Protein backbone atom coordinates (compact mmCIF):
# COMPACT_ATOMS: atom_id res chain seq x y z
CA UNK A 1 28.18 -55.56 15.26
CA UNK A 2 31.19 -55.56 12.77
CA UNK A 3 28.77 -54.81 9.79
CA UNK A 4 27.18 -51.86 11.39
CA UNK A 5 30.73 -50.58 12.14
CA UNK A 6 31.87 -51.05 8.58
CA UNK A 7 28.61 -49.39 7.38
CA UNK A 8 29.15 -46.36 9.61
CA UNK A 9 32.74 -46.02 8.81
CA UNK A 10 31.87 -45.99 5.11
CA UNK A 11 29.07 -43.53 5.59
CA UNK A 12 31.41 -41.20 7.46
CA UNK A 13 34.24 -41.52 4.59
CA UNK A 14 31.66 -40.75 1.86
CA UNK A 15 30.09 -37.76 3.76
CA UNK A 16 33.61 -36.47 4.20
CA UNK A 17 34.72 -36.86 0.78
CA UNK A 18 31.41 -35.12 -0.44
CA UNK A 19 31.95 -32.14 1.88
CA UNK A 20 35.71 -31.88 1.08
CA UNK A 21 34.93 -32.09 -2.66
CA UNK A 22 31.65 -30.15 -2.95
CA UNK A 23 33.33 -26.52 -3.25
CA UNK A 24 35.47 -27.35 -5.97
CA UNK A 25 32.86 -29.42 -7.96
CA UNK A 26 30.20 -26.82 -7.37
CA UNK A 27 32.55 -23.87 -8.58
CA UNK A 28 34.00 -25.85 -11.70
CA UNK A 29 30.17 -26.58 -12.67
CA UNK A 30 28.97 -22.90 -12.30
CA UNK A 31 32.09 -21.68 -14.40
CA UNK A 32 31.62 -24.40 -16.99
CA UNK A 33 27.98 -23.58 -17.34
CA UNK A 34 28.60 -19.77 -17.56
CA UNK A 35 31.31 -20.41 -20.45
CA UNK A 36 28.87 -22.74 -22.12
CA UNK A 37 26.14 -20.10 -21.98
CA UNK A 38 28.59 -17.49 -23.44
CA UNK A 39 29.75 -19.73 -26.02
CA UNK A 40 26.20 -20.42 -27.28
CA UNK A 41 25.38 -16.82 -27.13
CA UNK A 42 28.57 -15.74 -29.12
CA UNK A 43 28.63 -18.83 -31.21
CA UNK A 44 32.41 -19.28 -30.49
CA UNK A 45 32.93 -23.04 -30.10
CA UNK A 46 36.63 -23.16 -29.15
CA UNK A 47 37.21 -26.30 -26.92
CA UNK A 48 40.01 -24.78 -25.07
CA UNK A 49 38.01 -21.80 -24.04
CA UNK A 50 36.25 -24.00 -21.32
CA UNK A 51 39.45 -25.37 -19.68
CA UNK A 52 41.09 -22.13 -18.59
CA UNK A 53 38.22 -20.33 -16.74
CA UNK A 54 37.66 -23.94 -15.13
CA UNK A 55 41.27 -24.04 -13.97
CA UNK A 56 41.25 -20.74 -12.76
CA UNK A 57 37.98 -21.21 -10.75
CA UNK A 58 39.46 -24.26 -9.27
CA UNK A 59 42.90 -22.73 -8.12
CA UNK A 60 40.71 -19.90 -6.36
CA UNK A 61 38.68 -22.30 -4.53
CA UNK A 62 41.36 -24.44 -3.53
CA UNK A 63 43.45 -21.41 -2.34
CA UNK A 64 40.36 -19.88 -0.54
CA UNK A 65 38.77 -23.30 0.64
CA UNK A 66 41.92 -25.34 0.90
CA UNK A 67 42.78 -24.66 4.41
CA UNK A 68 39.22 -25.95 5.42
CA UNK A 69 39.46 -28.95 3.35
CA UNK A 70 42.74 -29.76 4.82
CA UNK A 71 41.57 -29.41 8.22
CA UNK A 72 38.54 -31.47 7.85
CA UNK A 73 40.55 -34.35 6.22
CA UNK A 74 43.06 -34.32 8.70
CA UNK A 75 40.48 -34.09 11.70
CA UNK A 76 38.61 -37.15 9.92
CA UNK A 77 41.98 -39.22 9.58
CA UNK A 78 43.39 -38.37 13.03
CA UNK A 79 39.85 -39.24 14.44
CA UNK A 80 39.98 -42.67 12.51
CA UNK A 81 43.29 -43.39 13.59
CA UNK A 82 42.74 -42.46 17.24
CA UNK A 83 39.67 -44.83 17.24
CA UNK A 84 41.50 -47.87 15.95
CA UNK A 85 41.82 -49.65 19.28
CA UNK A 86 38.19 -49.42 19.84
CA UNK A 87 37.56 -51.58 16.95
CA UNK A 88 39.29 -54.62 18.47
């Protein structure tokens, strides 16, 4: 019974981590790909050129999706803490 509970808690943790990180990772991936394509087409191979658009995209995603991410994280944490007595 304890092993099933541990696996369920781990699965919930990983699923929530994936959902919370997905918008940020997806946005930086898309921006990185676009910048890389532009660099290949224009033959500009500046290493610092890839970081600034990724940082801007990450900040925009955090501003737009940050409240949802925080609400999801707080909801998961509150649910986990509230259910501690059920585990013993």
